[in-house]
Every structure is written in C-alpha cells, then in structure tokens.
Protein backbone atom coordinates (compact mmCIF):
# COMPACT_ATOMS: atom_id res chain seq x y z
CA MET A 1 0.08 -0.07 -0.16
CA LEU A 2 1.10 3.58 -0.55
CA SER A 3 2.38 5.71 2.16
CA GLU A 4 -0.01 8.53 3.37
CA SER A 5 1.66 11.15 1.76
CA LEU A 6 1.88 9.73 -1.83
CA TYR A 7 -1.62 8.27 -1.38
CA ASN A 8 -2.81 11.83 -1.18
CA PHE A 9 -0.80 12.82 -4.31
CA TYR A 10 -2.41 9.76 -5.91
CA ARG A 11 -5.89 10.97 -5.48
CA SER A 12 -5.18 14.18 -7.05
CA SER A 13 -2.53 13.26 -9.79
CA PRO A 14 -3.97 12.63 -13.18
CA MET A 15 -1.45 9.50 -13.34
CA ARG A 16 -3.91 7.56 -11.36
CA GLU A 17 -5.78 7.14 -14.57
CA GLY A 18 -2.64 5.56 -16.14
CA ILE A 19 -4.01 2.02 -15.23
CA LEU A 20 -6.98 1.99 -17.68
CA CYS A 21 -7.08 5.31 -19.69
CA TRP A 22 -5.59 3.34 -22.66
CA TYR A 23 -8.22 0.57 -22.25
CA PRO A 24 -10.50 0.46 -25.18
CA PHE A 25 -13.84 0.73 -23.57
CA GLU A 26 -16.87 0.49 -25.98
CA ALA A 27 -18.76 3.87 -26.24
CA GLY A 28 -22.07 3.90 -24.20
CA ALA A 29 -21.12 1.15 -21.99
CA ASN A 30 -22.62 0.59 -18.47
CA ILE A 31 -19.64 0.44 -15.96
CA LEU A 32 -19.99 -0.59 -12.32
CA ASP A 33 -16.82 1.71 -10.99
CA CYS A 34 -15.41 0.41 -7.75
CA SER A 35 -12.28 2.56 -8.22
CA ASP A 36 -13.40 4.76 -5.07
CA GLY A 37 -13.88 7.33 -7.42
CA VAL A 38 -10.24 7.95 -8.82
CA LEU A 39 -11.28 6.82 -12.71
CA THR A 40 -14.67 8.30 -12.67
CA ASP A 41 -13.84 11.48 -14.40
CA MET A 42 -11.92 9.38 -17.07
CA LEU A 43 -14.48 6.97 -17.83
CA LYS A 44 -17.11 9.75 -18.18
CA ALA A 45 -14.98 11.19 -20.68
CA ARG A 46 -15.10 7.74 -22.45
CA ASN A 47 -18.83 8.58 -23.13
CA CYS A 48 -19.73 5.56 -20.65
CA PHE A 49 -22.44 5.30 -18.39
CA VAL A 50 -21.04 5.11 -14.80
CA SER A 51 -22.65 3.63 -11.48
CA PHE A 52 -21.39 3.13 -7.99
CA GLN A 53 -24.04 0.81 -6.82
CA ARG A 54 -24.65 -2.86 -7.31
CA LYS A 55 -28.14 -2.92 -8.50
CA ASP A 56 -30.15 -6.25 -8.84
CA SER A 57 -31.93 -4.97 -11.73
CA LEU A 58 -28.84 -3.87 -13.64
CA PHE A 59 -26.36 -5.63 -15.66
CA PHE A 60 -22.90 -4.12 -16.47
CA ASP A 61 -20.58 -4.32 -19.29
CA TYR A 62 -17.42 -3.46 -17.30
CA ILE A 63 -16.73 -3.92 -13.62
CA ILE A 64 -13.64 -1.96 -12.65
CA ILE A 65 -12.10 -2.93 -9.13
CA LEU A 66 -8.86 -1.47 -7.75
CA ASP A 67 -7.17 -2.85 -4.56
CA PRO A 68 -9.88 -5.15 -3.35
CA THR A 69 -9.64 -6.59 0.26
CA ASP A 70 -11.60 -9.58 -0.68
CA PHE A 71 -10.67 -12.11 -3.22
CA ASP A 72 -12.66 -14.84 -2.13
CA VAL A 73 -14.55 -17.20 -4.89
CA SER A 74 -17.84 -16.13 -3.68
CA THR A 75 -17.20 -12.44 -3.89
CA LEU A 76 -15.80 -12.75 -7.48
CA GLU A 77 -18.84 -14.83 -8.41
CA SER A 78 -21.07 -12.18 -7.13
CA PHE A 79 -19.32 -9.70 -9.70
CA ARG A 80 -19.65 -12.06 -12.45
CA LYS A 81 -23.33 -12.50 -11.88
CA ARG A 82 -23.56 -8.68 -12.18
CA LEU A 83 -22.07 -8.61 -15.70
CA GLY A 84 -23.89 -9.14 -18.91
CA GLU A 85 -23.32 -11.92 -21.36
CA HIS A 86 -20.18 -10.44 -22.78
CA GLY A 87 -19.25 -8.46 -19.66
CA ARG A 88 -15.56 -8.00 -18.44
CA LEU A 89 -14.15 -7.60 -15.01
CA LEU A 90 -11.08 -5.31 -14.84
CA LEU A 91 -9.15 -5.97 -11.62
CA ALA A 92 -6.00 -4.52 -10.50
CA TYR A 93 -4.05 -5.17 -7.21
CA GLU A 94 -0.49 -5.22 -5.72
CA ASN A 95 1.68 -8.12 -6.53
CA PRO A 96 2.46 -9.73 -2.80
CA PHE A 97 5.78 -10.87 -4.39
CA ALA A 98 6.83 -7.53 -5.61
CA LEU A 99 10.43 -6.29 -5.77
CA ARG A 100 9.44 -3.94 -3.10
CA TYR A 101 8.54 -6.54 -0.50
CA TRP A 102 11.60 -8.26 -1.17
CA ALA A 103 13.48 -5.05 -0.23
CA GLY A 104 11.49 -5.04 3.38
CA HIS A 105 8.15 -2.89 2.52
CA LYS A 106 5.74 -3.36 5.04
CA ALA A 107 2.99 -5.48 4.25
CA GLN A 108 -0.52 -3.63 4.34
CA ASN A 109 -2.29 -6.19 6.50
CA THR A 110 0.39 -6.75 9.17
CA GLY A 111 2.73 -3.45 9.20
CA ARG A 112 5.48 -5.73 9.18
CA PRO A 113 8.11 -6.30 6.34
CA TYR A 114 8.31 -9.87 4.61
CA ASP A 115 4.98 -10.85 5.61
CA THR A 116 3.73 -10.54 2.18
CA LEU A 117 6.20 -13.05 1.17
CA THR A 118 5.42 -15.81 3.86
CA ARG A 119 1.77 -15.08 3.28
CA THR A 120 1.14 -13.95 6.99
CA GLY A 121 -1.83 -12.27 8.60
CA LYS A 122 -5.43 -11.95 7.85
CA ASP A 123 -6.50 -11.69 4.27
CA PRO A 124 -3.12 -11.89 2.54
CA LEU A 125 -2.88 -10.88 -1.03
CA PRO A 126 -3.32 -13.50 -3.76
CA SER A 127 -0.46 -14.77 -5.92
CA LYS A 128 -1.30 -14.34 -9.73
CA ALA A 129 -1.88 -18.23 -10.06
CA GLU A 130 -4.22 -18.12 -6.92
CA LEU A 131 -6.36 -15.03 -8.32
CA SER A 132 -6.50 -16.87 -11.78
CA SER A 133 -7.66 -20.05 -10.16
CA ASN A 134 -10.25 -18.35 -8.12
CA LEU A 135 -11.58 -16.45 -11.27
CA LYS A 136 -11.84 -19.47 -13.09
CA ILE A 137 -14.02 -21.41 -10.36
CA ALA A 138 -16.04 -18.17 -10.22
CA GLY A 139 -17.10 -18.68 -13.70
CA PHE A 140 -14.96 -16.33 -15.80
CA LYS A 141 -14.13 -18.08 -19.03
CA GLY A 142 -11.19 -16.03 -19.99
CA GLN A 143 -8.35 -14.00 -18.94
CA LYS A 144 -5.66 -11.69 -20.03
CA TRP A 145 -3.05 -10.55 -17.55
CA TYR A 146 -1.25 -7.14 -17.64
CA TYR A 147 1.78 -5.96 -15.67
CA PRO A 148 1.68 -2.06 -15.03
CA LEU A 149 5.07 -0.59 -14.08
CA THR A 150 6.05 0.65 -11.50
CA ASP A 151 2.49 -0.38 -10.04
CA HIS A 152 -1.01 0.38 -10.86
CA TRP A 153 -1.03 3.64 -8.80
CA PHE A 154 1.44 5.27 -11.08
CA ALA A 155 1.44 3.33 -14.21
CA ARG A 156 3.45 4.78 -17.04
CA GLU A 157 4.06 1.38 -19.09
CA ILE A 158 1.47 -1.54 -19.08
CA TYR A 159 2.95 -4.95 -20.44
CA SER A 160 1.33 -8.24 -20.98
CA ASP A 161 2.16 -11.74 -21.81
CA ASN A 162 2.26 -10.87 -25.46
CA TYR A 163 4.46 -8.15 -25.26
CA LEU A 164 7.04 -8.48 -22.28
CA PRO A 165 9.95 -5.90 -21.56
CA ASN A 166 13.33 -6.86 -22.50
CA LYS A 167 16.42 -6.20 -20.40
CA PHE A 168 17.18 -2.94 -21.94
CA PHE A 169 13.52 -1.63 -20.96
CA ASN A 170 14.80 0.61 -18.18
CA GLN A 171 16.79 2.57 -20.55
CA ARG A 172 13.58 4.71 -20.47
CA PHE A 173 11.82 3.21 -17.59
CA VAL A 174 11.28 5.95 -14.61
CA PRO A 175 10.57 3.96 -11.55
CA TYR A 176 9.76 5.21 -8.20
CA ILE A 177 10.14 3.86 -4.34
CA ASP A 178 7.65 4.63 -1.81
CA CYS A 179 9.50 5.81 1.33
CA ASP A 180 9.18 2.85 3.95
CA SER A 181 11.72 2.85 7.11
CA SER A 182 11.96 -0.96 6.78
CA LEU A 183 13.59 -0.75 3.15
CA THR A 184 16.97 -2.67 2.89
CA PHE A 185 17.95 -2.17 -0.91
CA ASP A 186 17.11 -0.06 -3.81
CA GLU A 187 14.74 -2.49 -5.84
CA ARG A 188 15.30 -0.26 -9.26
CA ALA A 189 18.71 -1.89 -9.63
CA LEU A 190 17.07 -5.39 -9.95
CA TYR A 191 14.45 -4.77 -12.55
CA ARG A 192 16.90 -5.86 -15.51
CA SER A 193 17.90 -8.88 -13.56
CA ILE A 194 14.60 -10.06 -13.18
CA ILE A 195 13.79 -9.61 -16.67
CA SER A 196 16.83 -11.31 -17.94
CA GLU A 197 16.15 -14.48 -15.70
CA GLY A 198 12.55 -14.53 -16.82
CA ALA A 199 10.99 -13.61 -13.29
CA PHE A 200 9.30 -10.45 -14.35
CA THR A 201 5.90 -11.78 -14.15
CA PHE A 202 6.45 -13.16 -10.82
CA MET A 203 8.17 -10.13 -9.15
CA CYS A 204 6.53 -7.01 -11.07
CA GLY A 205 4.90 -4.28 -8.97
CA ALA A 206 1.30 -4.89 -9.92
CA TYR A 207 -1.23 -6.93 -11.81
CA LEU A 208 -4.10 -5.95 -13.96
CA VAL A 209 -6.51 -8.99 -15.10
CA GLU A 210 -9.08 -8.77 -17.56
CA SER A 211 -11.71 -11.46 -16.90
CA ARG A 212 -14.10 -12.28 -19.34
CA VAL A 213 -17.52 -13.97 -18.82
CA CYS A 214 -17.99 -15.34 -22.32
CA GLU A 215 -15.37 -17.95 -23.60
CA ALA A 216 -15.71 -17.00 -27.02
CA ASP A 217 -15.20 -13.22 -26.70
CA ILE A 218 -11.65 -12.16 -27.97
CA PRO A 219 -9.56 -10.72 -25.10
CA CYS A 220 -8.56 -6.90 -25.11
CA THR A 221 -6.51 -6.19 -28.46
CA VAL A 222 -3.94 -4.10 -26.71
CA ASP A 223 -0.68 -5.93 -25.95
CA TYR A 224 1.16 -2.94 -24.61
CA ALA A 225 0.67 0.64 -23.58
CA SER A 226 2.59 3.50 -22.87
CA VAL A 227 0.89 6.63 -20.94
CA THR A 228 1.99 10.16 -20.49
CA ALA A 229 -0.48 11.21 -18.19
CA TYR A 230 2.26 12.99 -16.23
CA ARG A 231 2.31 15.68 -18.88
CA GLY A 232 0.13 18.71 -19.37
CA HIS A 233 -3.37 18.09 -21.20
CA SER A 234 -1.89 19.20 -24.43
CA LYS A 235 0.67 16.39 -24.61
CA CYS A 236 -0.98 13.49 -22.94
CA TYR A 237 -1.27 10.34 -24.96
CA ALA A 238 -1.74 6.48 -24.74
CA THR A 239 0.24 4.86 -27.12
CA THR A 240 -0.91 0.96 -27.74
CA VAL A 241 0.63 -1.82 -29.39
CA ARG A 242 -2.20 -3.86 -30.59
CA ASN A 243 -2.44 -7.64 -31.68
CA ASP A 244 -3.82 -6.49 -35.19
CA ASN A 245 -0.32 -5.41 -36.09
CA THR A 246 -0.90 -1.60 -35.41
CA VAL A 247 0.21 0.87 -32.96
CA ARG A 248 -2.36 3.99 -32.12
CA LYS A 249 -1.41 7.04 -30.42
CA ILE A 250 -4.60 8.09 -28.41
CA PRO A 251 -4.86 11.57 -27.16
CA LEU A 252 -6.10 11.27 -23.69
CA TYR A 253 -7.81 15.03 -23.53
CA LYS A 254 -9.58 17.09 -26.15
CA ASP A 255 -6.50 19.32 -25.85
CA SER A 256 -4.07 16.61 -27.17
CA GLU A 257 -6.03 15.89 -30.24
CA ALA A 258 -4.18 18.96 -32.03
CA GLY A 259 -0.84 17.26 -30.79
CA VAL A 260 -1.82 14.17 -32.87
CA ARG A 261 -2.07 16.19 -35.94
CA ALA A 262 0.95 18.14 -35.45
CA ILE A 263 3.01 14.69 -35.09
CA TYR A 264 1.29 13.53 -38.27
CA GLN A 265 2.38 16.85 -39.95
CA ASN A 266 6.02 16.41 -38.59
CA HIS A 267 6.19 12.98 -39.86
CA MET A 268 4.85 14.07 -43.50
CA GLU A 269 7.33 16.91 -43.48
CA LEU A 270 10.35 14.57 -42.80
CA LYS A 271 9.29 12.10 -45.31
CA SER A 272 9.06 14.95 -47.98
CA LEU A 273 12.75 15.88 -46.90
CA GLY A 274 13.95 12.30 -47.48
CA VAL A 275 14.10 11.49 -43.72
CA PRO A 276 13.12 7.68 -43.01
CA VAL A 277 10.04 7.87 -40.87
CA ILE A 278 7.45 5.41 -39.98
CA ASP A 279 4.13 5.46 -42.07
CA CYS A 280 1.23 6.78 -40.37
CA GLU A 281 -2.36 8.33 -40.98
CA ILE A 282 -5.01 9.68 -38.65
CA GLU A 283 -8.04 7.52 -37.93
CA ASN A 284 -10.75 9.04 -35.25
CA ASN A 285 -8.26 11.59 -33.94
CA CYS A 286 -5.93 8.70 -33.21
CA LEU A 287 -2.46 8.57 -34.91
CA VAL A 288 -2.23 4.90 -36.66
CA MET A 289 1.03 3.17 -37.42
CA PRO A 290 2.11 -0.19 -38.56
CA ARG A 291 3.67 -2.47 -35.44
CA ILE A 292 7.33 -2.85 -36.39
CA SER A 293 9.15 -6.26 -35.11
CA MET A 294 12.67 -4.43 -35.08
CA PRO A 295 14.95 -3.19 -31.98
CA THR A 296 15.49 0.51 -31.55
CA LEU A 297 19.08 1.63 -32.63
CA TRP A 298 19.61 2.28 -28.99
CA ASP A 299 18.63 -1.48 -28.01
CA TYR A 300 20.38 -2.95 -30.92
CA TRP A 301 23.76 -1.16 -29.44
CA ALA A 302 23.24 -1.95 -26.06
CA GLU A 303 22.48 -5.79 -26.98
CA LYS A 304 25.79 -5.86 -29.12
CA PHE A 305 27.72 -4.31 -26.08
CA CYS A 306 26.50 -7.05 -23.76
CA GLU A 307 27.57 -9.69 -26.23
CA GLY A 308 30.97 -8.22 -26.41
CA ALA A 309 30.46 -7.51 -30.13
CA LEU A 310 29.62 -3.88 -30.24
CA ASN A 311 31.65 -2.21 -33.16
CA VAL A 312 32.30 1.47 -31.79
CA LYS A 313 33.50 2.65 -35.31
CA GLY A 314 30.23 1.53 -36.62
CA MET A 315 28.22 3.11 -33.81
CA ILE A 316 30.06 6.56 -34.73
CA LYS A 317 29.04 5.85 -38.12
CA GLN A 318 25.39 5.40 -37.32
CA PHE A 319 25.58 8.62 -35.29
CA ASP A 320 26.95 10.38 -38.31
CA ARG A 321 23.76 9.41 -40.46
CA ILE A 322 21.45 10.52 -37.46
CA LYS A 323 23.42 13.94 -37.79
CA GLU A 324 22.89 14.05 -41.67
CA TYR A 325 19.11 13.28 -41.13
CA ILE A 326 19.03 16.15 -38.34
CA TYR A 327 20.41 18.72 -40.59
CA LYS A 328 18.28 17.70 -43.48
CA SER A 329 15.25 18.17 -41.27
CA ALA A 330 16.36 21.64 -40.27
CA LYS A 331 16.15 22.85 -43.87
CA TYR A 332 12.92 24.67 -43.13
CA GLY A 333 14.28 26.20 -39.83
CA LYS A 334 12.89 23.33 -37.64
CA CYS A 335 14.97 21.36 -35.13
CA TYR A 336 13.64 17.80 -34.47
CA TRP A 337 15.18 16.90 -31.28
CA GLU A 338 13.62 13.69 -30.88
CA MET A 339 15.76 12.24 -33.51
CA VAL A 340 17.71 10.17 -31.13
CA PRO A 341 18.76 6.12 -31.16
CA ALA A 342 15.87 5.42 -28.83
CA ASN A 343 13.33 7.07 -31.57
CA CYS A 344 14.68 5.07 -34.31
CA PHE A 345 14.09 1.27 -35.13
CA TYR A 346 17.34 -0.30 -36.92
CA ASN A 347 17.08 -3.23 -39.58
CA TYR A 348 20.46 -4.48 -38.93
CA GLU A 349 19.91 -6.78 -41.94
CA THR A 350 19.55 -4.15 -44.34
CA ASP A 351 21.13 -1.36 -42.50
CA GLU A 352 18.30 0.86 -42.69
CA LEU A 353 17.00 3.26 -40.10
CA LEU A 354 13.55 4.41 -39.47
CA PHE A 355 12.43 7.13 -37.09
CA PHE A 356 9.09 7.23 -35.07
CA ASP A 357 7.35 9.53 -32.83
CA GLN A 358 8.74 12.67 -33.99
CA GLU A 359 6.61 14.53 -31.46
CA PHE A 360 8.72 17.53 -30.86
CA CYS A 361 10.51 20.22 -32.66
CA TRP A 362 11.42 23.82 -32.31
CA GLN A 363 11.23 26.33 -34.74
CA ASP A 364 14.35 28.33 -35.51
CA ALA A 365 16.34 26.50 -33.25
CA ASP A 366 19.90 25.21 -33.34
CA PRO A 367 20.00 21.81 -35.04
CA ASP A 368 22.91 20.92 -32.77
CA ILE A 369 20.54 20.85 -29.84
CA ALA A 370 19.24 17.52 -31.56
CA VAL A 371 22.96 16.41 -32.24
CA ALA A 372 24.01 17.14 -28.59
CA ARG A 373 20.60 14.76 -27.31
CA MET A 374 21.81 12.15 -29.85
CA ILE A 375 25.37 12.23 -28.25
CA MET A 376 23.78 12.32 -24.73
CA SER A 377 22.17 9.09 -25.26
CA ILE A 378 25.10 7.35 -24.37
CA LYS A 379 25.04 9.12 -20.83
CA PHE A 380 21.06 8.28 -20.55
CA SER A 381 21.63 4.53 -21.14
CA GLU A 382 22.19 2.49 -17.93
CA VAL A 383 24.34 -0.09 -19.98
CA PHE A 384 26.84 2.32 -21.53
CA SER A 385 27.25 5.01 -18.62
CA LYS A 386 28.49 2.38 -16.18
CA ASP A 387 31.14 1.29 -18.51
CA PRO A 388 34.52 3.61 -18.34
CA MET A 389 35.18 3.10 -22.07
CA PHE A 390 32.20 5.14 -23.01
CA GLU A 391 33.49 8.35 -21.28
CA SER A 392 36.37 8.51 -23.77
CA VAL A 393 33.73 7.60 -26.53
CA PHE A 394 31.56 10.43 -25.35
CA GLU A 395 34.28 12.71 -25.44
CA ASP A 396 35.47 11.57 -28.80
CA LEU A 397 31.79 12.45 -30.34
CA ARG A 398 31.72 16.03 -28.85
CA GLU A 399 35.28 16.48 -30.57
CA TYR A 400 34.26 14.61 -33.75
CA PHE A 401 30.92 16.87 -34.14
CA GLY A 402 32.91 20.07 -33.09
CA LEU A 403 30.33 20.74 -30.28
CA LYS A 404 32.88 20.98 -27.33
CA LYS A 405 32.96 25.00 -27.41
CA LYS A 406 29.43 25.63 -27.32
CA TRP A 407 28.49 22.36 -24.98
CA SER A 408 27.64 24.58 -22.04
CA GLU A 409 24.81 26.23 -24.02
CA LEU A 410 23.70 23.07 -25.64
CA VAL A 411 23.25 21.55 -22.40
CA LEU A 412 21.03 24.32 -21.10
CA ALA A 413 18.88 23.82 -24.04
CA MET A 414 18.72 20.00 -23.40
CA ARG A 415 17.46 20.56 -20.03
CA LYS A 416 14.40 22.68 -21.43
CA THR A 417 13.97 19.47 -23.89
CA TYR A 418 14.01 17.13 -20.83
CA ASP A 419 11.51 19.38 -19.00
CA GLU A 420 9.31 19.47 -22.11
CA VAL A 421 9.20 15.80 -22.42
CA PHE A 422 8.87 14.45 -18.59
CA ASN A 423 7.37 17.43 -16.77
CA PRO A 424 9.25 17.02 -13.82
CA GLU A 425 6.83 19.19 -11.80
CA ALA A 426 4.08 16.71 -12.29
CA THR A 427 6.35 13.89 -10.66
CA THR A 428 8.13 15.98 -7.70
CA ASP A 429 6.26 13.97 -4.99
CA LEU A 430 7.46 10.73 -6.40
CA ASP A 431 10.89 11.90 -6.77
CA LEU A 432 10.96 13.26 -2.95
CA ALA A 433 9.62 9.85 -2.22
CA THR A 434 12.33 7.88 -3.99
CA GLN A 435 15.20 10.30 -2.43
CA ASN A 436 13.81 9.44 1.06
CA SER A 437 13.82 5.91 0.40
CA ILE A 438 17.20 5.97 -1.03
CA GLU A 439 18.38 7.64 2.39
CA THR A 440 16.58 5.28 4.40
CA ILE A 441 18.54 2.49 2.56
CA SER A 442 21.77 4.15 3.10
CA LEU A 443 21.19 4.43 6.74
CA PHE A 444 20.13 0.94 7.00
CA ARG A 445 23.60 -0.01 5.18
CA LEU A 446 25.51 2.28 7.24
CA LYS A 447 24.16 0.62 10.47
CA CYS A 448 25.05 -2.67 9.33
CA LYS A 449 28.61 -1.13 8.73
CA LEU A 450 28.57 0.27 12.31
CA GLU A 451 27.86 -2.98 13.96
CA TYR A 452 31.46 -3.99 13.32
CA LEU A 453 32.50 -0.85 15.43
CA ARG A 454 30.06 -1.98 18.27
CA LEU A 455 31.59 -5.60 18.23
CA SER A 456 35.03 -4.05 18.39
CA GLU A 457 34.22 -2.00 21.53
CA LEU A 458 34.80 1.16 19.52
CA LYS A 459 31.84 3.51 20.68
CA HIS A 460 33.21 7.02 20.63
CA ILE A 461 33.48 7.84 16.91
CA ALA A 462 35.03 10.75 15.44
CA ILE A 463 33.96 11.71 11.94
CA TYR A 464 36.25 13.29 9.54
CA GLY A 465 34.20 14.70 6.54
CA TYR A 466 31.01 16.52 7.11
CA GLY A 467 29.44 16.42 3.77
CA VAL A 468 26.12 14.36 2.75
CA ARG A 469 27.76 11.19 3.74
CA GLY A 470 29.40 12.58 6.93
CA LYS A 471 26.09 13.89 8.21
CA ARG A 472 24.36 10.63 7.30
CA LEU A 473 27.04 8.62 9.25
CA GLU A 474 26.41 11.14 12.13
CA ARG A 475 22.67 10.19 12.11
CA ALA A 476 23.29 6.55 11.74
CA ILE A 477 25.81 6.49 14.81
CA LYS A 478 23.18 8.22 17.03
CA ASP A 479 20.49 6.12 15.72
CA LEU A 480 22.35 3.07 17.09
CA GLY A 481 22.98 4.66 20.43
CA LEU A 482 26.78 5.15 19.95
CA ARG A 483 28.50 8.40 20.60
CA VAL A 484 29.58 10.90 17.94
CA ALA A 485 32.88 12.01 19.70
CA CYS A 486 33.45 14.90 17.71
CA VAL A 487 33.23 16.18 13.77
CA MET A 488 36.18 17.37 11.81
CA ASP A 489 36.31 18.82 8.26
CA GLN A 490 38.97 20.51 6.37
CA GLY A 491 36.51 23.36 6.05
CA PHE A 492 36.14 23.93 9.88
CA LYS A 493 38.17 26.68 11.20
CA ASP A 494 40.05 25.27 13.97
CA SER A 495 43.28 25.92 15.09
CA ARG A 496 43.91 22.64 16.95
CA SER A 497 45.52 19.81 15.33
CA ILE A 498 43.40 16.76 14.36
CA SER A 499 45.33 14.76 17.22
CA GLU A 500 44.38 17.32 19.48
CA ILE A 501 40.59 17.33 18.59
CA ALA A 502 40.65 13.48 18.96
CA ASN A 503 42.36 13.37 22.35
CA ALA A 504 40.03 16.22 23.79
CA SER A 505 36.86 14.26 22.61
CA SER A 506 37.99 10.93 23.96
CA ALA A 507 37.36 9.40 20.72
CA ASP A 508 38.67 5.78 20.31
CA VAL A 509 38.06 5.53 16.36
CA ILE A 510 38.00 8.07 13.55
CA LEU A 511 35.95 7.26 10.52
CA VAL A 512 36.74 9.04 7.35
CA SER A 513 33.20 9.67 5.21
CA ILE A 514 35.17 11.28 2.36
CA LYS A 515 34.71 8.80 -0.86
CA ASN A 516 37.94 7.77 -2.22
CA GLY A 517 39.63 9.29 0.75
CA ILE A 518 42.41 6.87 1.19
CA SER A 519 45.16 9.53 1.02
CA ILE A 520 43.32 11.47 3.61
CA ALA A 521 43.00 8.48 5.71
CA ASP A 522 46.79 7.55 5.46
CA ASP A 523 47.70 11.30 6.42
CA ILE A 524 45.42 11.26 9.56
CA ARG A 525 46.90 7.63 10.53
CA ARG A 526 50.50 9.23 10.83
CA ARG A 527 49.03 12.10 13.20
CA VAL A 528 47.00 9.96 15.52
CA GLU A 529 47.37 6.73 17.57
CA ILE A 530 43.97 5.56 17.61
CA PRO A 531 42.49 3.57 14.56
CA VAL A 532 41.50 5.46 11.40
CA LEU A 533 38.99 3.72 8.96
CA LEU A 534 37.57 4.61 5.67
CA LEU A 535 33.56 4.60 5.78
CA ASP A 536 34.10 2.33 2.53
CA GLU A 537 36.34 -0.31 4.28
CA LEU A 538 33.77 -1.40 7.00
C-alpha cells in the first residue's frame, strides 16, 4: 500500500488514470466503478455510463475494481453475476511478491516487512496463480493479464504476456520507490536482472487482469501501452501496441488532439525531405502506425555491447547518419530534437534506419541541440554510462562533431527538452519519496557497517568529513546509540591539530566519510594513535 503522503498525491494526480486510460472501452457501455472515484472522470469522458451501486436489476458491461480486500470465490462470483453475457471484470491489485516486498516494504495487513512473502496475517494478497484459479472457479471463462509499471497507482507502461519488456527497457523506464523505514535495498537496480532471468511476471509491482464472462469473446486487443498522463493536457497520450499489427497514439484529452495532428504533419514533412520515418495516418483523432518488429538502434547497440560485439566505429558511423538527417530536417528552420537512437528502429539486415514518434520540434532552433541529445544518449543509457570506456567515446563524439566549445549552451537547451518531455513538476512527490527511500536504505547499510565498531568495542566515534555522507553517518551513529565524539572537516576553522581534537573528545576511532579518501586516511593515521578507518572499508 502507498504511504499516506503518496496516497494523497495519487488521489489528485492525473497519473492515477494511467492504469486504464488506454483501455478500449466501448462507447455507451455501462460500467460499475469500484475505483473509489479515482477513475470516474476518465470513464465519463469515454462516453460511458458510470454507476457506483450494485443494483439487482442492472447488468454491467464492465466492472472495475482497484485494490479489493476480498478475493474469495464467492465475492468474485457475485461480480460475475452482475455482468452481462459479454461482460468483463477489470481488477488491479498489488503483487504480494513485488520487488518492493523483497526489499523490506511493510505489508499492509500486518505492518511488518516480509509478511506478504510468507503469506502471514489476515487476508493476505493472492498470487497471480491463486487469483487466476479463483476467477475460473467463479465462472470467468477467459483472462488476459497485464503488468503495470512501476505499479497500478502510477502506471507509465503496461505490459502483457504478448509483449514483455526486454532487459534494456529501463533505459527509458522511470521507476519510483515509496518511502518505508524498513527498506534494505534499492529495488530499481534489479529490474533488469529479473527480466533477464524470466522472473518479471512473478516479481513485478502489480497486476491488472481482464476476466471475461463469455469464452468466445476475444481478449483486449492491446498488448502494450505507454501512458504520458504526467504531462500537461496538450501532450497527454496513450500509445498502444495491438495484436492487429497496429500502433495507435491516442489523445487522452481534447487538448491533445491537436498534438496528434502535429505529429502527423511532422512525419509528412520529414518524409518529404527524405528522412526515413514510419508510415502513419489519422483515424478517429488517433495516430495509426504499423507495429514494427525491429529493435531500436539504442537497444541494438546495448545488445551488441552485452555480447561483447559492439563495433564502436560502426556506432559512430550511425551517429553520423543521424546527424545528416537532423541537418536535412532543419532545412525549413526546424530542430527535431527527438531524432535520437531511442526513437529510431534499426534493420540490422539492411542497415536501414526508421524514425518514429517525432513529436517535438522547435522553430528556428540550433539543430546541434538534436545532435547533442543524440550524443547524450550514451549518458542516458544504463548499459553504456556504467562502462568507463564510454566516457572516452562520449568525449570523442563531442570532438568529432565540433560541439565542445558550445557544449554548455547546448546542455541548457537539453534541460529544457527534458522538462518538456517529462514535466518534472508533475512527478515531484514521486521523486521526493524516492530520495527519502534512498536515504533510508543508505542509513540501513551504514548501521550494518557500524555494527563492526560496536563488536570491536569502539563506541566513541570521530567523523572526518562533514558532507552528505558525513551527516548521514552522524545520524546512523546516533540511531544505533553510539556516541559521536567529534566532527572534523577541512572546511572547519579550528586551530587545533587533528590529534588534539581527537584526544580532547576521547575518541577511540576516526571514521573518514570522504569517498575515495585513502590518502586523507593515510595522512590522519600518521598523526594519531587511535584506529582510522575509511567508511567504505567497513
């Protein structure tokens, strides 16, 4: 369950609609809305008739349930009886085996960590297999399961068994962590691993299941959805990948219909200039494109790198081609700054590029902004950014394209593009919760390290270095009931020597909190007689 602060944010945020704003509800459908009102406005905007009461005389086309507390067969059967012959139940809930629970997030029903994993307490959340079985027993003849990320509260992407994420999905995925004092590690680092090892559907954050009454009814045609409900109304879309081999970009508000037409015009203009772009057309205010079974250029490079087969010279050659298209598209004074490897399919058999989703462009802007964003894709990718080799590749690219002198100017422009795409103000509460969670996890790890000092009877601890790490260390020492003998930092004005300060405070150990502070620790060891340890050594 969400913390109180995030739950309040959820109730007012348009992101709450991400779980089902992409779903193709039939116009005029009767819907029983058991979402506690969070989806009501969205459903009415779809021209649906929304009810909140279970009436014996009324059958529904859809019943929507978010976070039920009762998953019993009898309860599910009662919902099935309220559905028409071709009705569907849409039920979303937390996965009891979600990564957050392995990290120590407290269970809602007991308030203790790990209880969802051991099924402890009253009314534990069902696993996917358990709920699937209960739905069958309750009389539902068909099911389609979806996996919203990060969860069903703030869903930006919704996967299905027909469209599962690859191991590079988190090059664009923006997860959050809800703050909880019991957390022991940052779950975000494990998403790639659980996907690679085939455990995604078991350990994802939440489930959404479409349960159908009639066995002959086909399941929802949408296999994947990407939702940008965090943007302003004029830029809110649901991009759906469907099993009829089409992709549809759907405006979520009346204000965003103009954006669909603008994207179409952008693609037509780029195509007229000889830039390879995906074919598209407008149908019922939606942008319709073919479903492409090729990797993005970004994913192709990442895959080759992980295989040890990346040709850096070939990579730079592709950068050169993208720059050529960027400059070609600037013929009429427009800078299409979404012409990046992540928005470009790559046919590795024919060595052809195909750009898609060219939503953003600036009039009379320097096309080098787009070139700089292209180069920065190395920094944005988790695969590349963690490898030291790519720091030199990054520098070589800046030099190769002659952008070093005006790089600072381009960085400022790139920050504006980031704000325009991701609208950081809309997700501030999620970002703050994540930062607080990271602080909690860091404190937990520090306390584990400090247990070594307790066992060694070193209980009067002097801290050297009073930056972020030093202040966090001070808090952890106090939380454990140990004593902070003194705090020292080269920025403090104190005429006494380090040995004098340590002796006056009765310190029995000095902890150097500065990262990579080996030389500092060695220098202090020459000046004092008590142990001097690097925080990273504990």
